[in-house]
Amino acid sequence: MSYFSHESAYIDSGCEIGEGTKIWHYSHICSGAKIGKNCSFGQNVYVAPGVVIGDNVRVQNGVSIYSGLIIEDYCFLGPHCVFTNDKYPRASGEWKLEKTILRKGASVGANSTILCGLELGEYSMVGCGSVVIKTVPPKALVVGNPARIVKIFKCEEIKEKFNFYECAN
């Protein structure tokens, strides 16, 4: 095993977990999930079947990553952020799963909610407690309910503040 999982974590057979990844207390990784290298999953994280997660992703405590979510490299998911995967969920009947994509370097603040069927652009940031109902462009900072753009970062700022040296204008 080239990754670490705490003894209380539950790892289903049939999932792929990259080298150097750490999975902490009471987390559950479902069969069919694909997780990259050097990721970190905090306490009580759930990763559903079919989820794809890139390398160097950090997921804080209490995050559920449901089917339909694709998370690229170097993303950050703050504590207890929420992702939906059906715009009109009901207790019975068919679910219509919608794909949500977090592009490279996207960050989601604690207690934020991300509606399904959207894309968070490269190096974008969602402020704590925000409710995202529209696609977020690359390098944008969005905050509020509903979330709105308050800043577009320049690559120089992203490189300096966040240590992402691959940013291109």
C-alpha atoms as a PDB file:
ATOM      1  CA  MET A   1       0.000   0.000   0.000  1.00  0.00           C
ATOM      2  CA  SER A   2       1.603   3.242  -1.137  1.00  0.00           C
ATOM      3  CA  TYR A   3      -0.839   5.496   0.736  1.00  0.00           C
ATOM      4  CA  PHE A   4      -1.752   5.932   4.413  1.00  0.00           C
ATOM      5  CA  SER A   5      -5.196   5.351   5.866  1.00  0.00           C
ATOM      6  CA  HIS A   6      -6.107   5.637   9.522  1.00  0.00           C
ATOM      7  CA  GLU A   7      -7.406   2.406  11.053  1.00  0.00           C
ATOM      8  CA  SER A   8     -10.899   3.927  11.358  1.00  0.00           C
ATOM      9  CA  ALA A   9     -11.073   4.875   7.656  1.00  0.00           C
ATOM     10  CA  TYR A  10     -13.029   2.609   5.336  1.00  0.00           C
ATOM     11  CA  ILE A  11     -11.500   2.014   1.903  1.00  0.00           C
ATOM     12  CA  ASP A  12     -13.655  -0.044  -0.493  1.00  0.00           C
ATOM     13  CA  SER A  13     -12.016  -2.463  -2.887  1.00  0.00           C
ATOM     14  CA  GLY A  14     -11.962  -1.253  -6.465  1.00  0.00           C
ATOM     15  CA  CYS A  15     -10.876   2.318  -5.814  1.00  0.00           C
ATOM     16  CA  GLU A  16      -7.573   3.817  -6.970  1.00  0.00           C
ATOM     17  CA  ILE A  17      -5.496   5.825  -4.488  1.00  0.00           C
ATOM     18  CA  GLY A  18      -2.208   7.450  -5.463  1.00  0.00           C
ATOM     19  CA  GLU A  19       1.127   7.224  -3.694  1.00  0.00           C
ATOM     20  CA  GLY A  20       1.647   9.473  -0.696  1.00  0.00           C
ATOM     21  CA  THR A  21      -2.067  10.173  -0.141  1.00  0.00           C
ATOM     22  CA  LYS A  22      -3.282  10.321   3.479  1.00  0.00           C
ATOM     23  CA  ILE A  23      -6.807   9.416   4.576  1.00  0.00           C
ATOM     24  CA  TRP A  24      -7.704  10.255   8.161  1.00  0.00           C
ATOM     25  CA  HIS A  25     -10.243   9.255  10.818  1.00  0.00           C
ATOM     26  CA  TYR A  26     -13.693   7.928   9.838  1.00  0.00           C
ATOM     27  CA  SER A  27     -13.353   8.738   6.145  1.00  0.00           C
ATOM     28  CA  HIS A  28     -14.901   6.518   3.474  1.00  0.00           C
ATOM     29  CA  ILE A  29     -13.550   6.067  -0.053  1.00  0.00           C
ATOM     30  CA  CYS A  30     -16.022   4.173  -2.263  1.00  0.00           C
ATOM     31  CA  SER A  31     -15.313   1.636  -4.972  1.00  0.00           C
ATOM     32  CA  GLY A  32     -14.745   3.288  -8.349  1.00  0.00           C
ATOM     33  CA  ALA A  33     -13.266   6.508  -6.933  1.00  0.00           C
ATOM     34  CA  LYS A  34      -9.947   7.616  -8.435  1.00  0.00           C
ATOM     35  CA  ILE A  35      -7.625   9.666  -6.229  1.00  0.00           C
ATOM     36  CA  GLY A  36      -4.256  11.056  -7.273  1.00  0.00           C
ATOM     37  CA  LYS A  37      -0.905  11.296  -5.507  1.00  0.00           C
ATOM     38  CA  ASN A  38      -0.061  13.277  -2.364  1.00  0.00           C
ATOM     39  CA  CYS A  39      -3.648  14.147  -1.440  1.00  0.00           C
ATOM     40  CA  SER A  40      -4.893  14.686   2.105  1.00  0.00           C
ATOM     41  CA  PHE A  41      -8.380  13.797   3.350  1.00  0.00           C
ATOM     42  CA  GLY A  42      -9.355  15.033   6.811  1.00  0.00           C
ATOM     43  CA  GLN A  43     -11.727  13.466   9.295  1.00  0.00           C
ATOM     44  CA  ASN A  44     -15.202  12.330   8.141  1.00  0.00           C
ATOM     45  CA  VAL A  45     -14.635  12.775   4.401  1.00  0.00           C
ATOM     46  CA  TYR A  46     -16.817  10.809   1.985  1.00  0.00           C
ATOM     47  CA  VAL A  47     -15.739  10.131  -1.620  1.00  0.00           C
ATOM     48  CA  ALA A  48     -18.492   8.586  -3.783  1.00  0.00           C
ATOM     49  CA  PRO A  49     -18.147   6.097  -6.644  1.00  0.00           C
ATOM     50  CA  GLY A  50     -16.951   7.593  -9.925  1.00  0.00           C
ATOM     51  CA  VAL A  51     -15.374  10.689  -8.394  1.00  0.00           C
ATOM     52  CA  VAL A  52     -12.060  11.694  -9.988  1.00  0.00           C
ATOM     53  CA  ILE A  53      -9.529  13.626  -7.891  1.00  0.00           C
ATOM     54  CA  GLY A  54      -6.153  14.831  -9.176  1.00  0.00           C
ATOM     55  CA  ASP A  55      -2.792  15.123  -7.436  1.00  0.00           C
ATOM     56  CA  ASN A  56      -1.959  17.305  -4.414  1.00  0.00           C
ATOM     57  CA  VAL A  57      -5.600  17.944  -3.451  1.00  0.00           C
ATOM     58  CA  ARG A  58      -6.387  18.859   0.166  1.00  0.00           C
ATOM     59  CA  VAL A  59      -9.828  18.040   1.550  1.00  0.00           C
ATOM     60  CA  GLN A  60     -10.610  19.305   5.047  1.00  0.00           C
ATOM     61  CA  ASN A  61     -12.903  17.703   7.644  1.00  0.00           C
ATOM     62  CA  GLY A  62     -16.552  16.927   6.961  1.00  0.00           C
ATOM     63  CA  VAL A  63     -16.605  17.196   3.168  1.00  0.00           C
ATOM     64  CA  SER A  64     -18.773  14.868   1.061  1.00  0.00           C
ATOM     65  CA  ILE A  65     -17.627  14.518  -2.535  1.00  0.00           C
ATOM     66  CA  TYR A  66     -20.551  13.042  -4.461  1.00  0.00           C
ATOM     67  CA  SER A  67     -20.678  11.272  -7.829  1.00  0.00           C
ATOM     68  CA  GLY A  68     -20.332  13.651 -10.755  1.00  0.00           C
ATOM     69  CA  LEU A  69     -17.517  15.700  -9.233  1.00  0.00           C
ATOM     70  CA  ILE A  70     -14.156  16.044 -10.984  1.00  0.00           C
ATOM     71  CA  ILE A  71     -11.393  17.752  -9.020  1.00  0.00           C
ATOM     72  CA  GLU A  72      -8.175  18.630 -10.821  1.00  0.00           C
ATOM     73  CA  ASP A  73      -4.683  19.008  -9.296  1.00  0.00           C
ATOM     74  CA  TYR A  74      -3.850  21.360  -6.391  1.00  0.00           C
ATOM     75  CA  CYS A  75      -7.441  22.078  -5.352  1.00  0.00           C
ATOM     76  CA  PHE A  76      -8.421  22.905  -1.766  1.00  0.00           C
ATOM     77  CA  LEU A  77     -11.772  22.056  -0.180  1.00  0.00           C
ATOM     78  CA  GLY A  78     -12.360  23.836   3.125  1.00  0.00           C
ATOM     79  CA  PRO A  79     -14.082  22.283   6.133  1.00  0.00           C
ATOM     80  CA  HIS A  80     -17.713  21.293   5.628  1.00  0.00           C
ATOM     81  CA  CYS A  81     -18.074  22.729   2.130  1.00  0.00           C
ATOM     82  CA  VAL A  82     -20.983  21.158   0.245  1.00  0.00           C
ATOM     83  CA  PHE A  83     -21.352  19.956  -3.337  1.00  0.00           C
ATOM     84  CA  THR A  84     -24.701  19.018  -4.876  1.00  0.00           C
ATOM     85  CA  ASN A  85     -25.096  16.601  -7.772  1.00  0.00           C
ATOM     86  CA  ASP A  86     -28.787  16.878  -8.765  1.00  0.00           C
ATOM     87  CA  LYS A  87     -30.563  20.209  -9.311  1.00  0.00           C
ATOM     88  CA  TYR A  88     -33.981  18.792  -8.413  1.00  0.00           C
ATOM     89  CA  PRO A  89     -33.417  15.983  -5.884  1.00  0.00           C
ATOM     90  CA  ARG A  90     -36.350  14.000  -4.558  1.00  0.00           C
ATOM     91  CA  ALA A  91     -36.631  11.111  -2.110  1.00  0.00           C
ATOM     92  CA  SER A  92     -38.028   8.848  -4.822  1.00  0.00           C
ATOM     93  CA  GLY A  93     -37.696   8.570  -8.577  1.00  0.00           C
ATOM     94  CA  GLU A  94     -34.728   8.960 -10.873  1.00  0.00           C
ATOM     95  CA  TRP A  95     -31.822  11.233 -10.036  1.00  0.00           C
ATOM     96  CA  LYS A  96     -30.223  13.277 -12.805  1.00  0.00           C
ATOM     97  CA  LEU A  97     -26.567  13.576 -11.856  1.00  0.00           C
ATOM     98  CA  GLU A  98     -24.806  16.677 -13.135  1.00  0.00           C
ATOM     99  CA  LYS A  99     -21.064  17.002 -13.589  1.00  0.00           C
ATOM    100  CA  THR A 100     -19.213  19.666 -11.603  1.00  0.00           C
ATOM    101  CA  ILE A 101     -15.561  20.446 -12.361  1.00  0.00           C
ATOM    102  CA  LEU A 102     -12.992  22.134 -10.148  1.00  0.00           C
ATOM    103  CA  ARG A 103     -10.122  23.216 -12.382  1.00  0.00           C
ATOM    104  CA  LYS A 104      -6.484  23.221 -11.324  1.00  0.00           C
ATOM    105  CA  GLY A 105      -5.761  25.243  -8.187  1.00  0.00           C
ATOM    106  CA  ALA A 106      -9.385  26.088  -7.351  1.00  0.00           C
ATOM    107  CA  SER A 107     -10.117  26.709  -3.647  1.00  0.00           C
ATOM    108  CA  VAL A 108     -13.457  26.401  -1.879  1.00  0.00           C
ATOM    109  CA  GLY A 109     -13.831  28.098   1.507  1.00  0.00           C
ATOM    110  CA  ALA A 110     -15.330  26.535   4.629  1.00  0.00           C
ATOM    111  CA  ASN A 111     -19.098  26.032   4.713  1.00  0.00           C
ATOM    112  CA  SER A 112     -19.577  27.036   1.069  1.00  0.00           C
ATOM    113  CA  THR A 113     -22.209  25.392  -1.131  1.00  0.00           C
ATOM    114  CA  ILE A 114     -21.529  24.664  -4.808  1.00  0.00           C
ATOM    115  CA  LEU A 115     -24.536  23.969  -7.046  1.00  0.00           C
ATOM    116  CA  CYS A 116     -24.015  21.089  -9.489  1.00  0.00           C
ATOM    117  CA  GLY A 117     -23.395  21.481 -13.201  1.00  0.00           C
ATOM    118  CA  LEU A 118     -20.871  24.294 -12.762  1.00  0.00           C
ATOM    119  CA  GLU A 119     -17.170  24.805 -13.269  1.00  0.00           C
ATOM    120  CA  LEU A 120     -14.778  26.563 -10.910  1.00  0.00           C
ATOM    121  CA  GLY A 121     -12.046  27.981 -13.142  1.00  0.00           C
ATOM    122  CA  GLU A 122      -8.302  27.564 -12.699  1.00  0.00           C
ATOM    123  CA  TYR A 123      -6.998  29.265  -9.551  1.00  0.00           C
ATOM    124  CA  SER A 124     -10.451  30.575  -8.620  1.00  0.00           C
ATOM    125  CA  MET A 125     -11.401  31.049  -4.960  1.00  0.00           C
ATOM    126  CA  VAL A 126     -14.774  30.738  -3.249  1.00  0.00           C
ATOM    127  CA  GLY A 127     -14.994  32.710   0.001  1.00  0.00           C
ATOM    128  CA  CYS A 128     -16.171  31.029   3.211  1.00  0.00           C
ATOM    129  CA  GLY A 129     -19.927  30.542   3.461  1.00  0.00           C
ATOM    130  CA  SER A 130     -20.618  31.450  -0.161  1.00  0.00           C
ATOM    131  CA  VAL A 131     -23.356  29.884  -2.278  1.00  0.00           C
ATOM    132  CA  VAL A 132     -22.148  29.367  -5.853  1.00  0.00           C
ATOM    133  CA  ILE A 133     -24.964  29.177  -8.422  1.00  0.00           C
ATOM    134  CA  LYS A 134     -23.001  30.131 -11.581  1.00  0.00           C
ATOM    135  CA  THR A 135     -19.744  29.024 -13.189  1.00  0.00           C
ATOM    136  CA  VAL A 136     -16.749  30.871 -11.728  1.00  0.00           C
ATOM    137  CA  PRO A 137     -14.171  32.183 -14.229  1.00  0.00           C
ATOM    138  CA  PRO A 138     -10.455  31.465 -13.875  1.00  0.00           C
ATOM    139  CA  LYS A 139      -8.596  33.491 -11.207  1.00  0.00           C
ATOM    140  CA  ALA A 140     -11.835  34.978  -9.809  1.00  0.00           C
ATOM    141  CA  LEU A 141     -12.592  35.458  -6.120  1.00  0.00           C
ATOM    142  CA  VAL A 142     -16.318  35.048  -5.432  1.00  0.00           C
ATOM    143  CA  VAL A 143     -18.131  35.683  -2.150  1.00  0.00           C
ATOM    144  CA  GLY A 144     -21.660  35.910  -0.792  1.00  0.00           C
ATOM    145  CA  ASN A 145     -25.089  34.437  -1.326  1.00  0.00           C
ATOM    146  CA  PRO A 146     -25.424  34.235  -4.219  1.00  0.00           C
ATOM    147  CA  ALA A 147     -21.682  34.338  -4.839  1.00  0.00           C
ATOM    148  CA  ARG A 148     -20.500  37.226  -6.999  1.00  0.00           C
ATOM    149  CA  ILE A 149     -17.091  38.200  -8.340  1.00  0.00           C
ATOM    150  CA  VAL A 150     -15.250  40.682  -6.131  1.00  0.00           C
ATOM    151  CA  LYS A 151     -11.783  40.329  -7.668  1.00  0.00           C
ATOM    152  CA  ILE A 152      -9.947  38.799 -10.600  1.00  0.00           C
ATOM    153  CA  PHE A 153      -6.412  37.876  -9.563  1.00  0.00           C
ATOM    154  CA  LYS A 154      -3.469  38.571 -11.835  1.00  0.00           C
ATOM    155  CA  CYS A 155      -0.990  35.756 -12.357  1.00  0.00           C
ATOM    156  CA  GLU A 156       1.658  37.713 -10.461  1.00  0.00           C
ATOM    157  CA  GLU A 157      -0.624  37.748  -7.395  1.00  0.00           C
ATOM    158  CA  ILE A 158      -1.378  34.048  -7.725  1.00  0.00           C
ATOM    159  CA  LYS A 159       2.319  33.242  -7.995  1.00  0.00           C
ATOM    160  CA  GLU A 160       3.265  35.472  -5.052  1.00  0.00           C
ATOM    161  CA  LYS A 161       0.390  34.804  -2.639  1.00  0.00           C
ATOM    162  CA  PHE A 162      -0.458  31.210  -3.432  1.00  0.00           C
ATOM    163  CA  ASN A 163       2.777  29.700  -4.814  1.00  0.00           C
ATOM    164  CA  PHE A 164       1.244  28.634  -8.112  1.00  0.00           C
ATOM    165  CA  TYR A 165       4.089  29.239 -10.522  1.00  0.00           C
ATOM    166  CA  GLU A 166       2.416  27.739 -13.588  1.00  0.00           C
ATOM    167  CA  CYS A 167      -0.202  30.486 -13.882  1.00  0.00           C
ATOM    168  CA  ALA A 168      -0.389  32.030 -17.346  1.00  0.00           C
ATOM    169  CA  ASN A 169      -2.287  35.132 -18.442  1.00  0.00           C
END
